Every structure is written in structure tokens, then in C-alpha cells.
Amino acid sequence: MAVYPSVDLTNFDVAAATRTVRNAGDAATATANDLARDAVYTAIGLGVLTYQRLQVRRRELSRDRLR
């Protein structure tokens, strides 16, 4: 017959487990916020670079027309 290990929950503290879960949730929220902020900054940066590239292209085309 198989012998199964026993688990003793006599001194199990539910409050400590709740704090651990809550802290993990706070960390996940902070990570999600940081990720969202980084995504917005990246999108804005790419938008600025695209606008600058369009301006350079516009100036090149206008310069070529004058020749």
C-alpha cells in the first residue's frame, strides 16, 4: 500500500498568506504600469522619428523640384 505524506497546517497563518498574495498583486500592477508607460513612450518616440523623416523627405522633394 502507498504511503502519502501528511501536511500539518496547525500553525498556518492566513493573514501572512493574504499579505503575500496582496504584495504579489501590487508588484504585478506596478510591472503592468511600467510596461504600459514604456509602450506609450516608445509609440511617441516612433511618431516623432516618423514625423522628422517625413519632413526630411519633403525638403528633399522640394529641393529636387527647384533644380
PDB file of N, CA and C in Angstrom:
ATOM      1  N   MET A   1       0.837  -1.169   0.000  1.00  0.00           N
ATOM      2  CA  MET A   1       0.000   0.000   0.000  1.00  0.00           C
ATOM      3  C   MET A   1       0.893   1.247   0.000  1.00  0.00           C
ATOM      4  N   ALA A   2       0.486   2.312  -0.761  1.00  0.00           N
ATOM      5  CA  ALA A   2       1.274   3.536  -0.878  1.00  0.00           C
ATOM      6  C   ALA A   2       1.128   4.387   0.372  1.00  0.00           C
ATOM      7  N   VAL A   3       2.222   5.038   0.735  1.00  0.00           N
ATOM      8  CA  VAL A   3       2.208   5.932   1.887  1.00  0.00           C
ATOM      9  C   VAL A   3       2.244   7.361   1.368  1.00  0.00           C
ATOM     10  N   TYR A   4       1.258   8.145   1.765  1.00  0.00           N
ATOM     11  CA  TYR A   4       1.177   9.537   1.335  1.00  0.00           C
ATOM     12  C   TYR A   4       1.717  10.450   2.422  1.00  0.00           C
ATOM     13  N   PRO A   5       2.466  11.490   2.047  1.00  0.00           N
ATOM     14  CA  PRO A   5       2.992  12.402   3.065  1.00  0.00           C
ATOM     15  C   PRO A   5       1.856  13.217   3.677  1.00  0.00           C
ATOM     16  N   SER A   6       1.998  13.528   4.933  1.00  0.00           N
ATOM     17  CA  SER A   6       0.974  14.329   5.596  1.00  0.00           C
ATOM     18  C   SER A   6       1.408  15.794   5.627  1.00  0.00           C
ATOM     19  N   VAL A   7       0.439  16.668   5.688  1.00  0.00           N
ATOM     20  CA  VAL A   7       0.690  18.099   5.751  1.00  0.00           C
ATOM     21  C   VAL A   7       0.101  18.613   7.052  1.00  0.00           C
ATOM     22  N   ASP A   8       0.928  19.282   7.830  1.00  0.00           N
ATOM     23  CA  ASP A   8       0.476  19.807   9.119  1.00  0.00           C
ATOM     24  C   ASP A   8       0.178  21.293   8.961  1.00  0.00           C
ATOM     25  N   LEU A   9      -1.079  21.680   9.100  1.00  0.00           N
ATOM     26  CA  LEU A   9      -1.488  23.084   8.969  1.00  0.00           C
ATOM     27  C   LEU A   9      -1.819  23.694  10.330  1.00  0.00           C
ATOM     28  N   THR A  10      -1.244  23.168  11.372  1.00  0.00           N
ATOM     29  CA  THR A  10      -1.547  23.635  12.715  1.00  0.00           C
ATOM     30  C   THR A  10      -1.163  25.102  12.897  1.00  0.00           C
ATOM     31  N   ASN A  11       0.002  25.497  12.435  1.00  0.00           N
ATOM     32  CA  ASN A  11       0.482  26.866  12.632  1.00  0.00           C
ATOM     33  C   ASN A  11       0.358  27.711  11.362  1.00  0.00           C
ATOM     34  N   PHE A  12      -0.553  27.378  10.491  1.00  0.00           N
ATOM     35  CA  PHE A  12      -0.718  28.119   9.241  1.00  0.00           C
ATOM     36  C   PHE A  12      -1.375  29.458   9.527  1.00  0.00           C
ATOM     37  N   ASP A  13      -0.749  30.541   9.080  1.00  0.00           N
ATOM     38  CA  ASP A  13      -1.245  31.896   9.314  1.00  0.00           C
ATOM     39  C   ASP A  13      -1.873  32.428   8.040  1.00  0.00           C
ATOM     40  N   VAL A  14      -3.187  32.570   8.014  1.00  0.00           N
ATOM     41  CA  VAL A  14      -3.898  33.022   6.822  1.00  0.00           C
ATOM     42  C   VAL A  14      -3.574  34.482   6.530  1.00  0.00           C
ATOM     43  N   ALA A  15      -3.395  35.296   7.551  1.00  0.00           N
ATOM     44  CA  ALA A  15      -3.102  36.717   7.360  1.00  0.00           C
ATOM     45  C   ALA A  15      -1.775  36.911   6.625  1.00  0.00           C
ATOM     46  N   ALA A  16      -0.774  36.131   6.986  1.00  0.00           N
ATOM     47  CA  ALA A  16       0.526  36.241   6.312  1.00  0.00           C
ATOM     48  C   ALA A  16       0.411  35.818   4.855  1.00  0.00           C
ATOM     49  N   ALA A  17      -0.358  34.776   4.594  1.00  0.00           N
ATOM     50  CA  ALA A  17      -0.547  34.337   3.211  1.00  0.00           C
ATOM     51  C   ALA A  17      -1.284  35.402   2.413  1.00  0.00           C
ATOM     52  N   THR A  18      -2.255  36.058   3.019  1.00  0.00           N
ATOM     53  CA  THR A  18      -3.005  37.124   2.344  1.00  0.00           C
ATOM     54  C   THR A  18      -2.092  38.295   2.008  1.00  0.00           C
ATOM     55  N   ARG A  19      -1.212  38.673   2.938  1.00  0.00           N
ATOM     56  CA  ARG A  19      -0.276  39.771   2.671  1.00  0.00           C
ATOM     57  C   ARG A  19       0.654  39.418   1.517  1.00  0.00           C
ATOM     58  N   THR A  20       1.095  38.186   1.462  1.00  0.00           N
ATOM     59  CA  THR A  20       1.985  37.752   0.383  1.00  0.00           C
ATOM     60  C   THR A  20       1.283  37.856  -0.960  1.00  0.00           C
ATOM     61  N   VAL A  21       0.050  37.414  -1.015  1.00  0.00           N
ATOM     62  CA  VAL A  21      -0.711  37.493  -2.269  1.00  0.00           C
ATOM     63  C   VAL A  21      -0.959  38.940  -2.648  1.00  0.00           C
ATOM     64  N   ARG A  22      -1.288  39.778  -1.673  1.00  0.00           N
ATOM     65  CA  ARG A  22      -1.549  41.192  -1.945  1.00  0.00           C
ATOM     66  C   ARG A  22      -0.284  41.885  -2.460  1.00  0.00           C
ATOM     67  N   ASN A  23       0.866  41.590  -1.845  1.00  0.00           N
ATOM     68  CA  ASN A  23       2.129  42.185  -2.298  1.00  0.00           C
ATOM     69  C   ASN A  23       2.469  41.730  -3.710  1.00  0.00           C
ATOM     70  N   ALA A  24       2.193  40.488  -4.027  1.00  0.00           N
ATOM     71  CA  ALA A  24       2.448  39.988  -5.382  1.00  0.00           C
ATOM     72  C   ALA A  24       1.542  40.709  -6.367  1.00  0.00           C
ATOM     73  N   GLY A  25       0.310  40.991  -5.977  1.00  0.00           N
ATOM     74  CA  GLY A  25      -0.610  41.728  -6.842  1.00  0.00           C
ATOM     75  C   GLY A  25      -0.127  43.150  -7.072  1.00  0.00           C
ATOM     76  N   ASP A  26       0.386  43.800  -6.031  1.00  0.00           N
ATOM     77  CA  ASP A  26       0.917  45.154  -6.165  1.00  0.00           C
ATOM     78  C   ASP A  26       2.107  45.169  -7.116  1.00  0.00           C
ATOM     79  N   ALA A  27       2.949  44.156  -7.009  1.00  0.00           N
ATOM     80  CA  ALA A  27       4.120  44.076  -7.894  1.00  0.00           C
ATOM     81  C   ALA A  27       3.686  43.872  -9.335  1.00  0.00           C
ATOM     82  N   ALA A  28       2.670  43.048  -9.540  1.00  0.00           N
ATOM     83  CA  ALA A  28       2.175  42.820 -10.901  1.00  0.00           C
ATOM     84  C   ALA A  28       1.558  44.086 -11.466  1.00  0.00           C
ATOM     85  N   THR A  29       0.838  44.828 -10.646  1.00  0.00           N
ATOM     86  CA  THR A  29       0.242  46.085 -11.094  1.00  0.00           C
ATOM     87  C   THR A  29       1.326  47.092 -11.451  1.00  0.00           C
ATOM     88  N   ALA A  30       2.356  47.178 -10.627  1.00  0.00           N
ATOM     89  CA  ALA A  30       3.461  48.104 -10.913  1.00  0.00           C
ATOM     90  C   ALA A  30       4.162  47.709 -12.204  1.00  0.00           C
ATOM     91  N   THR A  31       4.359  46.427 -12.413  1.00  0.00           N
ATOM     92  CA  THR A  31       5.002  45.954 -13.642  1.00  0.00           C
ATOM     93  C   THR A  31       4.141  46.276 -14.854  1.00  0.00           C
ATOM     94  N   ALA A  32       2.837  46.083 -14.735  1.00  0.00           N
ATOM     95  CA  ALA A  32       1.924  46.395 -15.841  1.00  0.00           C
ATOM     96  C   ALA A  32       1.936  47.889 -16.136  1.00  0.00           C
ATOM     97  N   ASN A  33       1.960  48.711 -15.096  1.00  0.00           N
ATOM     98  CA  ASN A  33       2.011  50.161 -15.287  1.00  0.00           C
ATOM     99  C   ASN A  33       3.305  50.573 -15.981  1.00  0.00           C
ATOM    100  N   ASP A  34       4.411  50.003 -15.547  1.00  0.00           N
ATOM    101  CA  ASP A  34       5.703  50.318 -16.168  1.00  0.00           C
ATOM    102  C   ASP A  34       5.713  49.896 -17.632  1.00  0.00           C
ATOM    103  N   LEU A  35       5.152  48.735 -17.916  1.00  0.00           N
ATOM    104  CA  LEU A  35       5.103  48.244 -19.288  1.00  0.00           C
ATOM    105  C   LEU A  35       4.241  49.151 -20.165  1.00  0.00           C
ATOM    106  N   ALA A  36       3.098  49.580 -19.635  1.00  0.00           N
ATOM    107  CA  ALA A  36       2.220  50.475 -20.396  1.00  0.00           C
ATOM    108  C   ALA A  36       2.899  51.820 -20.640  1.00  0.00           C
ATOM    109  N   ARG A  37       3.572  52.356 -19.624  1.00  0.00           N
ATOM    110  CA  ARG A  37       4.264  53.634 -19.775  1.00  0.00           C
ATOM    111  C   ARG A  37       5.367  53.522 -20.825  1.00  0.00           C
ATOM    112  N   ASP A  38       6.133  52.445 -20.784  1.00  0.00           N
ATOM    113  CA  ASP A  38       7.196  52.239 -21.767  1.00  0.00           C
ATOM    114  C   ASP A  38       6.623  52.121 -23.179  1.00  0.00           C
ATOM    115  N   ALA A  39       5.481  51.458 -23.320  1.00  0.00           N
ATOM    116  CA  ALA A  39       4.852  51.313 -24.633  1.00  0.00           C
ATOM    117  C   ALA A  39       4.409  52.673 -25.177  1.00  0.00           C
ATOM    118  N   VAL A  40       3.857  53.508 -24.313  1.00  0.00           N
ATOM    119  CA  VAL A  40       3.428  54.850 -24.741  1.00  0.00           C
ATOM    120  C   VAL A  40       4.636  55.689 -25.143  1.00  0.00           C
ATOM    121  N   TYR A  41       5.692  55.661 -24.333  1.00  0.00           N
ATOM    122  CA  TYR A  41       6.891  56.426 -24.673  1.00  0.00           C
ATOM    123  C   TYR A  41       7.493  55.949 -25.993  1.00  0.00           C
ATOM    124  N   THR A  42       7.491  54.648 -26.213  1.00  0.00           N
ATOM    125  CA  THR A  42       8.024  54.102 -27.462  1.00  0.00           C
ATOM    126  C   THR A  42       7.184  54.552 -28.644  1.00  0.00           C
ATOM    127  N   ALA A  43       5.860  54.511 -28.495  1.00  0.00           N
ATOM    128  CA  ALA A  43       4.972  54.938 -29.579  1.00  0.00           C
ATOM    129  C   ALA A  43       5.168  56.417 -29.902  1.00  0.00           C
ATOM    130  N   ILE A  44       5.298  57.236 -28.884  1.00  0.00           N
ATOM    131  CA  ILE A  44       5.519  58.673 -29.110  1.00  0.00           C
ATOM    132  C   ILE A  44       6.865  58.895 -29.786  1.00  0.00           C
ATOM    133  N   GLY A  45       7.883  58.190 -29.331  1.00  0.00           N
ATOM    134  CA  GLY A  45       9.210  58.320 -29.940  1.00  0.00           C
ATOM    135  C   GLY A  45       9.199  57.916 -31.405  1.00  0.00           C
ATOM    136  N   LEU A  46       8.537  56.820 -31.721  1.00  0.00           N
ATOM    137  CA  LEU A  46       8.444  56.393 -33.115  1.00  0.00           C
ATOM    138  C   LEU A  46       7.662  57.399 -33.948  1.00  0.00           C
ATOM    139  N   GLY A  47       6.637  57.989 -33.364  1.00  0.00           N
ATOM    140  CA  GLY A  47       5.874  59.023 -34.065  1.00  0.00           C
ATOM    141  C   GLY A  47       6.729  60.239 -34.380  1.00  0.00           C
ATOM    142  N   VAL A  48       7.550  60.661 -33.421  1.00  0.00           N
ATOM    143  CA  VAL A  48       8.442  61.806 -33.640  1.00  0.00           C
ATOM    144  C   VAL A  48       9.458  61.487 -34.733  1.00  0.00           C
ATOM    145  N   LEU A  49      10.040  60.295 -34.681  1.00  0.00           N
ATOM    146  CA  LEU A  49      11.014  59.908 -35.708  1.00  0.00           C
ATOM    147  C   LEU A  49      10.369  59.853 -37.092  1.00  0.00           C
ATOM    148  N   THR A  50       9.151  59.348 -37.172  1.00  0.00           N
ATOM    149  CA  THR A  50       8.437  59.293 -38.452  1.00  0.00           C
ATOM    150  C   THR A  50       8.160  60.694 -38.971  1.00  0.00           C
ATOM    151  N   TYR A  51       7.729  61.597 -38.087  1.00  0.00           N
ATOM    152  CA  TYR A  51       7.467  62.981 -38.497  1.00  0.00           C
ATOM    153  C   TYR A  51       8.748  63.642 -39.015  1.00  0.00           C
ATOM    154  N   GLN A  52       9.845  63.426 -38.322  1.00  0.00           N
ATOM    155  CA  GLN A  52      11.111  64.009 -38.769  1.00  0.00           C
ATOM    156  C   GLN A  52      11.540  63.432 -40.118  1.00  0.00           C
ATOM    157  N   ARG A  53      11.341  62.148 -40.308  1.00  0.00           N
ATOM    158  CA  ARG A  53      11.700  61.517 -41.581  1.00  0.00           C
ATOM    159  C   ARG A  53      10.842  62.083 -42.723  1.00  0.00           C
ATOM    160  N   LEU A  54       9.561  62.314 -42.443  1.00  0.00           N
ATOM    161  CA  LEU A  54       8.687  62.913 -43.456  1.00  0.00           C
ATOM    162  C   LEU A  54       9.119  64.335 -43.798  1.00  0.00           C
ATOM    163  N   GLN A  55       9.537  65.088 -42.794  1.00  0.00           N
ATOM    164  CA  GLN A  55       9.997  66.450 -43.046  1.00  0.00           C
ATOM    165  C   GLN A  55      11.250  66.451 -43.926  1.00  0.00           C
ATOM    166  N   VAL A  56      12.178  65.544 -43.643  1.00  0.00           N
ATOM    167  CA  VAL A  56      13.398  65.459 -44.448  1.00  0.00           C
ATOM    168  C   VAL A  56      13.036  65.090 -45.880  1.00  0.00           C
ATOM    169  N   ARG A  57      12.136  64.124 -46.032  1.00  0.00           N
ATOM    170  CA  ARG A  57      11.723  63.700 -47.373  1.00  0.00           C
ATOM    171  C   ARG A  57      11.043  64.838 -48.119  1.00  0.00           C
ATOM    172  N   ARG A  58      10.197  65.616 -47.404  1.00  0.00           N
ATOM    173  CA  ARG A  58       9.516  66.753 -48.034  1.00  0.00           C
ATOM    174  C   ARG A  58      10.527  67.783 -48.511  1.00  0.00           C
ATOM    175  N   ARG A  59      11.534  68.070 -47.686  1.00  0.00           N
ATOM    176  CA  ARG A  59      12.556  69.039 -48.078  1.00  0.00           C
ATOM    177  C   ARG A  59      13.379  68.544 -49.262  1.00  0.00           C
ATOM    178  N   GLU A  60      13.658  67.236 -49.290  1.00  0.00           N
ATOM    179  CA  GLU A  60      14.400  66.677 -50.430  1.00  0.00           C
ATOM    180  C   GLU A  60      13.601  66.815 -51.713  1.00  0.00           C
ATOM    181  N   LEU A  61      12.304  66.548 -51.638  1.00  0.00           N
ATOM    182  CA  LEU A  61      11.459  66.649 -52.839  1.00  0.00           C
ATOM    183  C   LEU A  61      11.340  68.096 -53.307  1.00  0.00           C
ATOM    184  N   SER A  62      11.199  69.026 -52.372  1.00  0.00           N
ATOM    185  CA  SER A  62      11.083  70.433 -52.781  1.00  0.00           C
ATOM    186  C   SER A  62      12.425  70.931 -53.352  1.00  0.00           C
ATOM    187  N   ARG A  63      13.531  70.462 -52.818  1.00  0.00           N
ATOM    188  CA  ARG A  63      14.834  70.846 -53.330  1.00  0.00           C
ATOM    189  C   ARG A  63      15.036  70.286 -54.754  1.00  0.00           C
ATOM    190  N   ASP A  64      14.595  69.056 -54.994  1.00  0.00           N
ATOM    191  CA  ASP A  64      14.725  68.437 -56.309  1.00  0.00           C
ATOM    192  C   ASP A  64      13.848  69.149 -57.343  1.00  0.00           C
ATOM    193  N   ARG A  65      12.713  69.677 -56.941  1.00  0.00           N
ATOM    194  CA  ARG A  65      11.819  70.379 -57.857  1.00  0.00           C
ATOM    195  C   ARG A  65      12.429  71.698 -58.329  1.00  0.00           C
ATOM    196  N   LEU A  66      13.198  72.306 -57.450  1.00  0.00           N
ATOM    197  CA  LEU A  66      13.793  73.625 -57.800  1.00  0.00           C
ATOM    198  C   LEU A  66      14.928  73.473 -58.791  1.00  0.00           C
ATOM    199  N   ARG A  67      15.488  72.337 -58.931  1.00  0.00           N
ATOM    200  CA  ARG A  67      16.612  72.136 -59.847  1.00  0.00           C
ATOM    201  C   ARG A  67      16.170  72.063 -61.253  1.00  0.00           C
TER     202      ARG A  67
END
